[in-house]
Amino acid sequence: MSKIRITQVKSGIDRMESQKRTLIALGIRKMMHSVEVEATPQILGMVKAVHHLVKVENI
């Protein structure tokens, strides 16, 4: 599998609780924080749920 870098670019404040928990599950703690993870179907599904809050780059 390939790796992707996920960076939070918008705030999680005033978002649904499920979206906030998805950001935490991805390992993102604060604005402009990036994590590098394997591009598994589970991770891609979580990214799709919060696509408006994050930026995704292939590594």
N, C-alpha and C. Protein backbone atom coordinates (compact mmCIF):
# COMPACT_ATOMS: atom_id res chain seq x y z
N MET A 1 0.84 -1.19 0.00
CA MET A 1 0.00 0.00 0.00
C MET A 1 0.88 1.25 0.00
N SER A 2 0.34 2.29 -0.53
CA SER A 2 1.07 3.56 -0.54
C SER A 2 0.78 4.33 0.73
N LYS A 3 1.59 5.31 0.98
CA LYS A 3 1.39 6.16 2.16
C LYS A 3 0.81 7.49 1.72
N ILE A 4 0.04 8.09 2.61
CA ILE A 4 -0.51 9.42 2.36
C ILE A 4 -0.21 10.31 3.55
N ARG A 5 -0.10 11.61 3.28
CA ARG A 5 0.08 12.60 4.34
C ARG A 5 -1.23 13.37 4.47
N ILE A 6 -1.77 13.40 5.68
CA ILE A 6 -3.03 14.08 5.94
C ILE A 6 -2.73 15.28 6.83
N THR A 7 -3.15 16.46 6.39
CA THR A 7 -2.91 17.71 7.12
C THR A 7 -4.24 18.39 7.38
N GLN A 8 -4.49 18.77 8.63
CA GLN A 8 -5.72 19.49 8.94
C GLN A 8 -5.56 20.95 8.53
N VAL A 9 -6.50 21.45 7.69
CA VAL A 9 -6.41 22.82 7.22
C VAL A 9 -7.57 23.68 7.70
N LYS A 10 -8.63 23.05 8.22
CA LYS A 10 -9.76 23.79 8.78
C LYS A 10 -10.04 23.28 10.17
N SER A 11 -10.65 24.12 10.98
CA SER A 11 -10.91 23.81 12.38
C SER A 11 -12.03 22.78 12.54
N GLY A 12 -11.91 22.00 13.60
CA GLY A 12 -12.95 21.03 13.94
C GLY A 12 -14.01 21.62 14.86
N ILE A 13 -13.82 22.88 15.26
CA ILE A 13 -14.79 23.54 16.12
C ILE A 13 -16.09 23.73 15.36
N ASP A 14 -17.21 23.54 16.02
CA ASP A 14 -18.55 23.67 15.42
C ASP A 14 -18.83 22.60 14.37
N ARG A 15 -18.17 21.46 14.47
CA ARG A 15 -18.43 20.33 13.57
C ARG A 15 -19.17 19.25 14.35
N MET A 16 -19.73 18.31 13.61
CA MET A 16 -20.43 17.21 14.27
C MET A 16 -19.44 16.40 15.11
N GLU A 17 -19.94 15.80 16.18
CA GLU A 17 -19.09 15.04 17.08
C GLU A 17 -18.38 13.89 16.35
N SER A 18 -19.06 13.27 15.39
CA SER A 18 -18.44 12.16 14.65
C SER A 18 -17.24 12.64 13.83
N GLN A 19 -17.31 13.86 13.29
CA GLN A 19 -16.19 14.39 12.53
C GLN A 19 -15.02 14.72 13.45
N LYS A 20 -15.31 15.24 14.63
CA LYS A 20 -14.24 15.52 15.61
C LYS A 20 -13.54 14.23 16.01
N ARG A 21 -14.32 13.18 16.24
CA ARG A 21 -13.74 11.90 16.64
C ARG A 21 -12.96 11.27 15.50
N THR A 22 -13.38 11.49 14.28
CA THR A 22 -12.65 10.97 13.13
C THR A 22 -11.28 11.62 13.03
N LEU A 23 -11.20 12.93 13.25
CA LEU A 23 -9.91 13.62 13.25
C LEU A 23 -8.99 13.04 14.32
N ILE A 24 -9.54 12.79 15.50
CA ILE A 24 -8.74 12.22 16.59
C ILE A 24 -8.28 10.81 16.21
N ALA A 25 -9.17 10.02 15.61
CA ALA A 25 -8.83 8.65 15.22
C ALA A 25 -7.73 8.63 14.15
N LEU A 26 -7.70 9.65 13.31
CA LEU A 26 -6.64 9.75 12.30
C LEU A 26 -5.31 10.16 12.92
N GLY A 27 -5.34 10.67 14.14
CA GLY A 27 -4.11 11.08 14.82
C GLY A 27 -3.80 12.54 14.66
N ILE A 28 -4.77 13.31 14.17
CA ILE A 28 -4.56 14.75 13.98
C ILE A 28 -4.98 15.47 15.25
N ARG A 29 -4.07 16.29 15.79
CA ARG A 29 -4.32 16.93 17.07
C ARG A 29 -4.72 18.40 16.98
N LYS A 30 -4.18 19.11 16.00
CA LYS A 30 -4.44 20.55 15.92
C LYS A 30 -4.27 21.02 14.48
N MET A 31 -4.57 22.28 14.25
CA MET A 31 -4.46 22.86 12.92
C MET A 31 -3.04 22.74 12.37
N MET A 32 -2.94 22.46 11.09
CA MET A 32 -1.68 22.33 10.36
C MET A 32 -0.82 21.18 10.86
N HIS A 33 -1.40 20.27 11.64
CA HIS A 33 -0.69 19.07 12.09
C HIS A 33 -0.82 18.02 11.00
N SER A 34 0.27 17.33 10.69
CA SER A 34 0.26 16.32 9.63
C SER A 34 0.59 14.95 10.21
N VAL A 35 0.00 13.95 9.61
CA VAL A 35 0.33 12.56 9.94
C VAL A 35 0.54 11.81 8.64
N GLU A 36 1.43 10.81 8.67
CA GLU A 36 1.67 9.96 7.52
C GLU A 36 1.15 8.57 7.87
N VAL A 37 0.23 8.06 7.07
CA VAL A 37 -0.39 6.77 7.33
C VAL A 37 -0.47 5.95 6.05
N GLU A 38 -0.65 4.65 6.20
CA GLU A 38 -0.87 3.77 5.06
C GLU A 38 -2.26 4.06 4.47
N ALA A 39 -2.38 4.00 3.17
CA ALA A 39 -3.65 4.29 2.49
C ALA A 39 -4.51 3.03 2.43
N THR A 40 -5.02 2.60 3.59
CA THR A 40 -5.90 1.44 3.65
C THR A 40 -7.33 1.89 3.37
N PRO A 41 -8.22 0.97 3.03
CA PRO A 41 -9.62 1.35 2.80
C PRO A 41 -10.27 2.01 4.02
N GLN A 42 -9.87 1.59 5.23
CA GLN A 42 -10.44 2.18 6.44
C GLN A 42 -10.00 3.64 6.58
N ILE A 43 -8.74 3.91 6.36
CA ILE A 43 -8.22 5.27 6.46
C ILE A 43 -8.83 6.15 5.37
N LEU A 44 -8.94 5.64 4.16
CA LEU A 44 -9.52 6.43 3.07
C LEU A 44 -10.98 6.75 3.35
N GLY A 45 -11.70 5.85 4.01
CA GLY A 45 -13.08 6.13 4.39
C GLY A 45 -13.17 7.23 5.42
N MET A 46 -12.24 7.24 6.38
CA MET A 46 -12.22 8.30 7.39
C MET A 46 -11.88 9.64 6.75
N VAL A 47 -10.93 9.63 5.80
CA VAL A 47 -10.56 10.86 5.10
C VAL A 47 -11.76 11.39 4.31
N LYS A 48 -12.51 10.50 3.70
CA LYS A 48 -13.68 10.92 2.93
C LYS A 48 -14.72 11.59 3.83
N ALA A 49 -14.81 11.15 5.08
CA ALA A 49 -15.79 11.72 6.01
C ALA A 49 -15.42 13.13 6.44
N VAL A 50 -14.13 13.46 6.40
CA VAL A 50 -13.69 14.80 6.83
C VAL A 50 -12.90 15.49 5.72
N HIS A 51 -13.21 15.19 4.47
CA HIS A 51 -12.44 15.73 3.34
C HIS A 51 -12.44 17.25 3.29
N HIS A 52 -13.46 17.88 3.84
CA HIS A 52 -13.56 19.34 3.82
C HIS A 52 -12.69 19.99 4.90
N LEU A 53 -12.11 19.20 5.80
CA LEU A 53 -11.28 19.73 6.88
C LEU A 53 -9.80 19.43 6.68
N VAL A 54 -9.47 18.54 5.76
CA VAL A 54 -8.09 18.09 5.62
C VAL A 54 -7.59 18.24 4.18
N LYS A 55 -6.26 18.19 4.05
CA LYS A 55 -5.61 18.15 2.75
C LYS A 55 -4.83 16.83 2.69
N VAL A 56 -4.95 16.12 1.58
CA VAL A 56 -4.33 14.80 1.45
C VAL A 56 -3.31 14.83 0.32
N GLU A 57 -2.10 14.30 0.60
CA GLU A 57 -1.05 14.23 -0.39
C GLU A 57 -0.51 12.81 -0.46
N ASN A 58 -0.22 12.32 -1.64
CA ASN A 58 0.44 11.03 -1.80
C ASN A 58 1.93 11.19 -1.51
N ILE A 59 2.51 10.18 -0.90
CA ILE A 59 3.94 10.22 -0.60
C ILE A 59 4.64 9.20 -1.48
